[in-house]
Amino acid sequence: MKRIFVLSSLVAGFFLNAQSIGNSPYGAYGIGEGKYDNTADINAMGGISTAYIWDFNNTFNFRNPAANTNLELTSVKIEAANENNYYKSDFNNLKSTKHSTYLSNISIAFPLSRTVKFGLGFQPYSSKSYDVVTNKVVNDEVTEYHSFHGEGSVSIIQAALSYQINKEFAVGLRSNFYFGKLYDIEEVAFTGAELVSGYSNSYRVKAFNFTLGTTYQKKMPNDHKLTVGATYTLGNTGNMKNMYTNSTYFYLIGETKAYENIVEQQSNYDKKFLPQEGSLGLGYGKDTKWFLGTQFDYKKGENFNFLGNTLAYQDSYRYSLGGWYLPNFNNFRSYFSRVIYRYGAYYEKGNLQINGTNINKYAITAGVTLPFQKSTINRMSGIDLGVELGNRGTLKNNMIRQNFVNLRIGINFADKWFSKRLYN
């Protein structure tokens, strides 16, 4: 008999075991909760990146590899994220909180020539960590217990190359390598019985895909500019190996299994777990002064084998709006005139639908880039700070509403590493 994880039946168990939940309860599905959202500066602008060409020479845009026209320095970024989640459900008016901190980005980028730029980066792509127990009274003497456990993560390494065709057009290519392990298990036991029925899935991810990008930027009078960008992620070389096992066993001491009997075992390879994605962006601004952009992202839904059943992801989309403002970077009498202020918001129609209810997400974002005291407009290094306040899920149908406050910090060291010597 095959089982499937049903969120609405686990609400009570989730709150009773909240301290063992590593991220959103919705992350228990599929390959986990997505952690990849580019760098701290882009996240602080609502995630706009497709038509975002940074005016200065010190940072690399991985989301759209074509949008790196102005990179002239070697940029090294190290970033971390702190997530603070506050969960609530109308199921017995339960509430809980969960906090986690992790390294969110390491990258290096530099120009190969005046028209060719290269970047290499590492980020977590998804993760899951949950440990939930529920029970159901069968009769006066027997109670049925269900325990759900999941763990693991998937990471991504990216190599991106951009080429400036002329003053207005640029193209880019990014290769994405995904790797990691994930594990889910549901165990069923009854009062007075030592025999346990287990339904487990183990996943080994090792796959490639590619992202194509392009930008068009038109310079206008009075230092104004119009930017249009597009990206498309396609292809999938490699796969995710999935091993589903239905077995019965006894526990001896701790988690040591004994007398395991395999009832059913299936092994398969999934090549469609990485969805095709597309993005369109439009932006307008004034050089080294301000920028405002908007973006539409689309992600195609795919099927996913989960605890012996097929989990269907919906097509999803996201609307983003954001930008930045810089008072006057050359005003060394006022430090705050040299601070870059960022703002944004987004709405995301999620790819999960549980018991007929869509799991959507929205947030507002803000942040600053604090230049180092001796940083100049040609050698701009600094600290990026960002905050994201939002909501995911709903209270309908005894579901979980997740409010979150996510904090991000990053350090960007930018300098000219590979300049040629004029004299020996």
Protein backbone atom coordinates (compact mmCIF):
# COMPACT_ATOMS: atom_id res chain seq x y z
CA MET A 1 0.00 0.00 0.00
CA LYS A 2 1.45 3.35 -1.05
CA ARG A 3 1.24 6.43 1.16
CA ILE A 4 1.48 10.13 0.41
CA PHE A 5 2.33 13.11 2.61
CA VAL A 6 -0.86 15.18 3.15
CA LEU A 7 -0.13 18.56 4.73
CA SER A 8 -3.55 19.33 6.14
CA SER A 9 -3.47 16.16 8.25
CA LEU A 10 -0.08 17.10 9.70
CA VAL A 11 -0.79 20.61 10.98
CA ALA A 12 -1.05 19.55 14.61
CA GLY A 13 2.07 17.41 14.40
CA PHE A 14 4.01 20.23 12.79
CA PHE A 15 3.36 22.59 15.67
CA LEU A 16 4.09 19.98 18.30
CA ASN A 17 7.50 19.40 16.72
CA ALA A 18 8.23 22.91 15.44
CA GLN A 19 11.79 23.04 16.76
CA SER A 20 12.79 20.16 14.46
CA ILE A 21 11.45 21.84 11.33
CA GLY A 22 14.36 23.34 9.41
CA ASN A 23 12.32 25.47 7.01
CA SER A 24 8.78 26.00 5.73
CA PRO A 25 6.41 23.02 6.10
CA TYR A 26 5.68 23.46 2.40
CA GLY A 27 9.34 22.58 1.80
CA ALA A 28 8.52 18.97 2.69
CA TYR A 29 7.25 18.50 -0.86
CA GLY A 30 9.43 17.59 -3.82
CA ILE A 31 13.05 18.72 -3.68
CA GLY A 32 12.40 21.08 -0.78
CA GLU A 33 12.03 24.79 -0.22
CA GLY A 34 13.81 26.98 -2.74
CA LYS A 35 16.73 28.94 -1.28
CA TYR A 36 18.10 30.39 -4.50
CA ASP A 37 17.22 34.06 -4.96
CA ASN A 38 20.40 35.66 -6.29
CA THR A 39 22.41 38.17 -4.29
CA ALA A 40 21.46 40.39 -1.33
CA ASP A 41 21.29 43.55 -3.46
CA ILE A 42 18.91 42.03 -6.04
CA ASN A 43 16.76 40.41 -3.35
CA ALA A 44 16.39 43.84 -1.69
CA MET A 45 14.85 45.12 -4.95
CA GLY A 46 12.10 42.50 -5.06
CA GLY A 47 14.25 40.15 -7.13
CA ILE A 48 14.39 42.26 -10.31
CA SER A 49 17.38 41.09 -12.34
CA THR A 50 16.40 40.45 -15.96
CA ALA A 51 16.65 44.10 -17.06
CA TYR A 52 19.06 45.14 -14.31
CA ILE A 53 22.44 46.35 -15.62
CA TRP A 54 24.37 47.84 -12.71
CA ASP A 55 25.63 51.35 -13.50
CA PHE A 56 28.97 50.82 -11.79
CA ASN A 57 31.87 48.47 -12.48
CA ASN A 58 31.94 46.24 -9.41
CA THR A 59 29.29 43.52 -9.51
CA PHE A 60 28.07 40.61 -11.66
CA ASN A 61 24.47 39.65 -12.46
CA PHE A 62 24.15 35.84 -12.49
CA ARG A 63 20.38 35.71 -13.06
CA ASN A 64 20.76 37.34 -16.46
CA PRO A 65 24.30 36.59 -17.66
CA ALA A 66 23.94 39.18 -20.44
CA ALA A 67 23.44 42.06 -18.00
CA ASN A 68 27.11 42.69 -17.20
CA THR A 69 28.04 45.44 -19.60
CA ASN A 70 29.80 47.63 -17.04
CA LEU A 71 31.84 45.07 -15.08
CA GLU A 72 35.50 46.18 -15.08
CA LEU A 73 36.77 44.95 -11.71
CA THR A 74 37.18 41.56 -10.10
CA SER A 75 34.23 41.12 -7.72
CA VAL A 76 34.29 38.65 -4.82
CA LYS A 77 31.04 38.23 -2.85
CA ILE A 78 30.33 36.33 0.35
CA GLU A 79 26.76 36.44 1.69
CA ALA A 80 24.60 34.92 4.43
CA ALA A 81 20.86 34.79 5.13
CA ASN A 82 18.92 34.71 8.41
CA GLU A 83 15.33 33.43 8.10
CA ASN A 84 12.71 34.04 10.79
CA ASN A 85 9.40 32.24 10.20
CA TYR A 86 6.20 32.67 12.20
CA TYR A 87 3.58 29.97 11.62
CA LYS A 88 -0.12 30.03 12.45
CA SER A 89 -3.10 27.77 11.83
CA ASP A 90 -6.79 27.87 12.73
CA PHE A 91 -6.39 24.22 13.72
CA ASN A 92 -6.75 24.67 17.52
CA ASN A 93 -5.39 28.23 17.04
CA LEU A 94 -1.81 26.92 17.01
CA LYS A 95 1.27 29.13 16.61
CA SER A 96 4.99 28.52 16.31
CA THR A 97 8.27 30.10 15.20
CA LYS A 98 11.45 28.86 13.53
CA HIS A 99 14.79 30.54 12.83
CA SER A 100 17.71 29.46 10.64
CA THR A 101 20.94 30.97 9.32
CA TYR A 102 23.01 29.74 6.38
CA LEU A 103 25.64 30.75 3.84
CA SER A 104 23.66 31.94 0.82
CA ASN A 105 26.21 32.91 -1.82
CA ILE A 106 29.90 32.73 -2.73
CA SER A 107 30.96 34.12 -6.09
CA ILE A 108 33.82 35.58 -8.08
CA ALA A 109 33.55 37.49 -11.37
CA PHE A 110 35.95 39.43 -13.58
CA PRO A 111 36.28 40.80 -17.13
CA LEU A 112 38.14 38.66 -19.67
CA SER A 113 38.19 41.57 -22.11
CA ARG A 114 36.32 44.80 -22.76
CA THR A 115 33.37 42.85 -24.21
CA VAL A 116 33.59 39.45 -22.44
CA LYS A 117 32.84 38.97 -18.71
CA PHE A 118 32.93 35.76 -16.64
CA GLY A 119 31.47 34.74 -13.28
CA LEU A 120 31.58 31.62 -11.11
CA GLY A 121 29.28 31.15 -8.10
CA PHE A 122 27.91 28.70 -5.53
CA GLN A 123 24.53 28.87 -3.77
CA PRO A 124 22.14 26.49 -1.98
CA TYR A 125 19.26 25.70 -4.35
CA SER A 126 16.79 23.94 -2.04
CA SER A 127 16.61 22.23 1.35
CA LYS A 128 14.26 20.25 3.56
CA SER A 129 14.33 19.35 7.24
CA TYR A 130 11.18 18.22 9.01
CA ASP A 131 10.27 15.74 11.75
CA VAL A 132 6.55 15.40 12.42
CA VAL A 133 4.44 12.91 14.42
CA THR A 134 0.64 12.56 14.24
CA ASN A 135 -1.78 10.05 15.69
CA LYS A 136 -5.30 8.80 15.05
CA VAL A 137 -7.46 6.84 17.52
CA VAL A 138 -8.68 3.65 15.85
CA ASN A 139 -10.66 2.38 18.87
CA ASP A 140 -10.50 2.48 22.67
CA GLU A 141 -7.41 0.32 22.76
CA VAL A 142 -5.56 1.08 19.53
CA THR A 143 -3.97 4.30 18.29
CA GLU A 144 -2.37 4.64 14.86
CA TYR A 145 0.86 6.68 14.77
CA HIS A 146 2.38 8.32 11.71
CA SER A 147 5.87 9.83 11.76
CA PHE A 148 7.25 11.87 8.87
CA HIS A 149 10.92 12.74 8.50
CA GLY A 150 12.82 14.51 5.74
CA GLU A 151 16.29 15.93 5.34
CA GLY A 152 18.88 16.98 2.77
CA SER A 153 19.73 19.77 0.38
CA VAL A 154 20.51 20.53 -3.25
CA SER A 155 23.21 23.05 -4.18
CA ILE A 156 24.02 24.81 -7.44
CA ILE A 157 27.32 25.83 -9.04
CA GLN A 158 27.06 28.35 -11.88
CA ALA A 159 29.48 29.47 -14.56
CA ALA A 160 28.32 32.47 -16.58
CA LEU A 161 29.70 34.24 -19.64
CA SER A 162 28.47 37.51 -21.15
CA TYR A 163 29.33 39.09 -24.50
CA GLN A 164 28.67 42.69 -25.50
CA ILE A 165 27.74 42.67 -29.21
CA ASN A 166 27.61 46.46 -29.52
CA LYS A 167 26.80 49.46 -27.33
CA GLU A 168 23.16 48.41 -27.01
CA PHE A 169 22.92 44.62 -27.32
CA ALA A 170 24.46 41.89 -25.16
CA VAL A 171 23.98 38.14 -24.86
CA GLY A 172 24.93 35.68 -22.15
CA LEU A 173 25.05 31.98 -21.28
CA ARG A 174 25.02 30.39 -17.83
CA SER A 175 25.60 26.70 -17.08
CA ASN A 176 23.98 25.35 -13.90
CA PHE A 177 25.21 22.22 -12.13
CA TYR A 178 22.87 20.82 -9.42
CA PHE A 179 24.01 18.24 -6.88
CA GLY A 180 22.85 16.89 -3.53
CA LYS A 181 20.92 14.23 -1.63
CA LEU A 182 17.38 14.24 -0.21
CA TYR A 183 15.50 11.73 1.92
CA ASP A 184 11.84 11.33 2.99
CA ILE A 185 10.22 8.60 5.07
CA GLU A 186 6.76 7.93 6.49
CA GLU A 187 6.51 5.32 9.24
CA VAL A 188 3.26 3.78 10.51
CA ALA A 189 2.91 1.97 13.84
CA PHE A 190 0.09 0.90 16.18
CA THR A 191 -0.24 0.83 19.95
CA GLY A 192 1.18 -2.40 21.37
CA ALA A 193 2.72 -3.50 18.07
CA GLU A 194 6.49 -3.45 17.55
CA LEU A 195 6.29 -3.92 13.79
CA VAL A 196 6.76 -0.69 11.82
CA SER A 197 5.74 -0.08 8.20
CA GLY A 198 8.06 2.33 6.40
CA TYR A 199 7.59 4.16 3.08
CA SER A 200 10.77 5.96 2.06
CA ASN A 201 12.22 7.89 -0.86
CA SER A 202 15.90 8.62 -1.31
CA TYR A 203 17.04 10.99 -4.04
CA ARG A 204 20.47 11.61 -5.54
CA VAL A 205 20.62 14.72 -7.70
CA LYS A 206 23.30 15.33 -10.32
CA ALA A 207 22.18 17.39 -13.30
CA PHE A 208 22.98 20.27 -15.67
CA ASN A 209 20.87 22.83 -17.45
CA PHE A 210 21.52 26.14 -19.20
CA THR A 211 20.24 29.70 -19.09
CA LEU A 212 20.29 32.02 -22.10
CA GLY A 213 20.05 35.76 -21.59
CA THR A 214 19.92 38.95 -23.61
CA THR A 215 19.69 42.69 -22.87
CA TYR A 216 19.04 45.84 -24.85
CA GLN A 217 19.87 49.22 -23.31
CA LYS A 218 19.11 52.51 -25.05
CA LYS A 219 20.86 55.66 -23.87
CA MET A 220 18.58 58.71 -23.89
CA PRO A 221 19.03 62.48 -23.37
CA ASN A 222 19.95 63.79 -19.89
CA ASP A 223 21.72 60.53 -18.95
CA HIS A 224 18.48 58.55 -18.90
CA LYS A 225 18.34 54.95 -20.11
CA LEU A 226 15.79 52.31 -21.07
CA THR A 227 16.64 48.63 -20.49
CA VAL A 228 14.89 45.49 -21.74
CA GLY A 229 15.99 41.98 -20.79
CA ALA A 230 14.97 38.35 -21.21
CA THR A 231 16.17 34.96 -19.99
CA TYR A 232 15.19 31.37 -20.68
CA THR A 233 16.35 28.24 -18.83
CA LEU A 234 16.19 24.99 -20.76
CA GLY A 235 17.71 21.57 -21.19
CA ASN A 236 18.53 18.92 -18.63
CA THR A 237 21.62 16.74 -18.84
CA GLY A 238 21.88 14.22 -16.03
CA ASN A 239 19.08 13.12 -13.75
CA MET A 240 17.74 12.54 -10.28
CA LYS A 241 17.92 8.92 -9.12
CA ASN A 242 14.97 7.98 -6.94
CA MET A 243 14.70 4.83 -4.82
CA TYR A 244 11.27 4.13 -3.31
CA THR A 245 11.10 1.41 -0.63
CA ASN A 246 8.08 -0.02 1.17
CA SER A 247 9.22 -2.31 3.99
CA THR A 248 8.38 -3.61 7.45
CA TYR A 249 10.88 -3.88 10.31
CA PHE A 250 11.50 -3.68 14.04
CA TYR A 251 13.58 -1.12 15.91
CA LEU A 252 16.17 -2.43 18.33
CA ILE A 253 18.20 0.23 20.15
CA GLY A 254 17.86 3.78 18.89
CA GLU A 255 17.38 3.86 15.11
CA THR A 256 18.84 0.41 14.41
CA LYS A 257 16.48 -1.61 12.20
CA ALA A 258 16.15 -5.38 12.44
CA TYR A 259 14.37 -8.11 10.44
CA GLU A 260 13.57 -5.74 7.59
CA ASN A 261 11.25 -7.23 4.98
CA ILE A 262 11.06 -5.46 1.60
CA VAL A 263 7.44 -5.37 0.44
CA GLU A 264 7.98 -3.21 -2.63
CA GLN A 265 10.98 -1.41 -4.11
CA GLN A 266 11.18 0.80 -7.19
CA SER A 267 14.10 2.61 -8.76
CA ASN A 268 13.72 5.24 -11.44
CA TYR A 269 15.44 8.23 -12.99
CA ASP A 270 13.71 11.59 -13.37
CA LYS A 271 14.98 14.09 -15.94
CA LYS A 272 12.13 16.60 -15.67
CA PHE A 273 12.40 17.71 -12.05
CA LEU A 274 14.18 20.92 -13.14
CA PRO A 275 11.48 23.09 -14.72
CA GLN A 276 11.84 25.26 -17.79
CA GLU A 277 11.82 28.93 -16.81
CA GLY A 278 11.41 32.23 -18.63
CA SER A 279 11.70 35.85 -17.57
CA LEU A 280 10.99 39.28 -19.11
CA GLY A 281 12.12 42.56 -17.58
CA LEU A 282 11.81 46.29 -18.28
CA GLY A 283 13.66 49.12 -16.55
CA TYR A 284 14.15 52.87 -16.73
CA GLY A 285 16.55 55.12 -14.87
CA LYS A 286 19.22 57.81 -14.78
CA ASP A 287 22.92 56.96 -14.84
CA THR A 288 24.48 56.63 -11.35
CA LYS A 289 21.36 58.23 -9.81
CA TRP A 290 18.27 55.99 -9.80
CA PHE A 291 16.61 52.99 -11.44
CA LEU A 292 13.13 51.44 -11.47
CA GLY A 293 12.38 48.05 -12.98
CA THR A 294 9.62 45.48 -13.30
CA GLN A 295 9.76 41.78 -14.11
CA PHE A 296 7.60 38.78 -14.96
CA ASP A 297 8.87 35.24 -14.28
CA TYR A 298 7.26 32.01 -15.46
CA LYS A 299 8.07 28.46 -14.38
CA LYS A 300 6.58 25.38 -16.01
CA GLY A 301 5.09 22.77 -13.69
CA GLU A 302 6.47 19.22 -13.61
CA ASN A 303 5.56 15.91 -12.00
CA PHE A 304 7.61 14.55 -9.11
CA ASN A 305 7.66 11.09 -7.51
CA PHE A 306 7.08 11.53 -3.77
CA LEU A 307 6.60 8.69 -1.24
CA GLY A 308 5.45 6.32 -3.96
CA ASN A 309 2.96 8.70 -5.56
CA THR A 310 3.11 11.34 -8.28
CA LEU A 311 3.18 14.92 -7.01
CA ALA A 312 2.14 17.43 -9.68
CA TYR A 313 3.62 20.93 -9.61
CA GLN A 314 1.52 23.65 -11.23
CA ASP A 315 2.78 26.28 -13.63
CA SER A 316 3.79 29.25 -11.51
CA TYR A 317 4.55 32.93 -12.11
CA ARG A 318 5.90 35.91 -10.23
CA TYR A 319 5.52 39.69 -10.63
CA SER A 320 8.31 41.88 -9.24
CA LEU A 321 8.85 45.63 -8.93
CA GLY A 322 11.88 47.38 -7.50
CA GLY A 323 14.80 49.73 -7.91
CA TRP A 324 17.50 51.80 -6.24
CA TYR A 325 18.40 55.42 -5.48
CA LEU A 326 21.83 57.01 -4.93
CA PRO A 327 21.90 60.64 -3.65
CA ASN A 328 25.49 61.54 -4.61
CA PHE A 329 28.37 59.09 -4.52
CA ASN A 330 30.98 61.87 -4.96
CA ASN A 331 29.84 63.74 -1.84
CA PHE A 332 32.55 62.73 0.63
CA ARG A 333 31.31 65.24 3.22
CA SER A 334 28.15 63.20 3.78
CA TYR A 335 28.52 59.43 4.07
CA PHE A 336 24.78 58.81 3.70
CA SER A 337 24.78 60.62 0.36
CA ARG A 338 27.01 57.80 -0.85
CA VAL A 339 24.74 55.01 0.45
CA ILE A 340 22.66 53.18 -2.18
CA TYR A 341 19.03 52.70 -1.08
CA ARG A 342 17.08 49.75 -2.50
CA TYR A 343 13.35 48.89 -2.46
CA GLY A 344 10.98 46.37 -4.00
CA ALA A 345 7.99 44.02 -3.78
CA TYR A 346 6.75 40.83 -5.43
CA TYR A 347 3.77 38.49 -5.71
CA GLU A 348 4.24 34.82 -6.53
CA LYS A 349 1.60 32.31 -7.56
CA GLY A 350 3.18 29.16 -6.17
CA ASN A 351 3.60 25.80 -7.87
CA LEU A 352 1.92 23.89 -5.02
CA GLN A 353 -1.81 23.25 -4.75
CA ILE A 354 -2.83 21.28 -1.65
CA ASN A 355 -6.40 20.08 -1.13
CA GLY A 356 -7.55 22.53 -3.81
CA THR A 357 -5.79 25.49 -2.17
CA ASN A 358 -3.03 27.45 -3.90
CA ILE A 359 0.07 28.17 -1.83
CA ASN A 360 1.00 31.71 -2.88
CA LYS A 361 3.59 34.15 -1.59
CA TYR A 362 4.12 37.91 -1.48
CA ALA A 363 6.60 40.26 0.19
CA ILE A 364 8.05 43.75 0.36
CA THR A 365 11.80 44.23 0.40
CA ALA A 366 14.32 46.95 1.21
CA GLY A 367 18.04 47.33 1.68
CA VAL A 368 21.15 49.46 1.47
CA THR A 369 24.64 49.19 0.07
CA LEU A 370 27.12 50.73 2.50
CA PRO A 371 30.40 51.64 0.73
CA PHE A 372 33.64 51.22 2.62
CA GLN A 373 34.97 54.53 3.90
CA LYS A 374 37.81 54.72 1.36
CA SER A 375 35.74 53.31 -1.50
CA THR A 376 35.69 55.44 -4.67
CA ILE A 377 33.40 55.37 -7.67
CA ASN A 378 36.10 53.43 -9.60
CA ARG A 379 36.89 51.03 -6.72
CA MET A 380 33.52 50.48 -5.08
CA SER A 381 33.57 47.85 -2.33
CA GLY A 382 31.01 47.64 0.43
CA ILE A 383 28.44 45.80 2.51
CA ASP A 384 24.96 44.89 1.23
CA LEU A 385 22.13 44.68 3.78
CA GLY A 386 18.59 43.57 2.96
CA VAL A 387 15.30 42.72 4.63
CA GLU A 388 12.30 40.81 3.26
CA LEU A 389 8.89 40.84 4.98
CA GLY A 390 6.16 38.65 3.60
CA ASN A 391 3.54 35.94 3.77
CA ARG A 392 3.12 32.46 2.33
CA GLY A 393 0.18 30.11 2.49
CA THR A 394 -3.27 30.57 3.96
CA LEU A 395 -5.45 29.74 6.96
CA LYS A 396 -8.13 28.14 4.76
CA ASN A 397 -8.84 24.40 5.10
CA ASN A 398 -6.78 24.16 8.31
CA MET A 399 -3.64 25.04 6.36
CA ILE A 400 -0.60 26.94 7.65
CA ARG A 401 0.04 30.62 7.12
CA GLN A 402 3.72 31.49 7.18
CA ASN A 403 4.80 35.05 7.95
CA PHE A 404 8.51 35.67 7.52
CA VAL A 405 11.20 38.26 8.14
CA ASN A 406 14.37 37.37 6.24
CA LEU A 407 17.61 39.27 6.73
CA ARG A 408 20.55 39.21 4.33
CA ILE A 409 24.10 40.48 4.56
CA GLY A 410 26.86 40.38 1.98
CA ILE A 411 30.36 41.74 1.49
CA ASN A 412 31.55 42.69 -1.98
CA PHE A 413 35.30 43.16 -2.49
CA ALA A 414 35.99 44.79 -5.85
CA ASP A 415 39.38 45.66 -7.32
CA LYS A 416 41.41 45.33 -10.51
CA TRP A 417 43.29 42.04 -10.13
CA PHE A 418 44.49 41.32 -13.64
CA SER A 419 45.79 44.66 -14.94
CA LYS A 420 48.80 44.54 -17.25
CA ARG A 421 52.04 46.18 -16.22
CA LEU A 422 53.04 49.17 -18.31
CA TYR A 423 56.66 49.01 -17.15
CA ASN A 424 58.98 46.22 -16.04
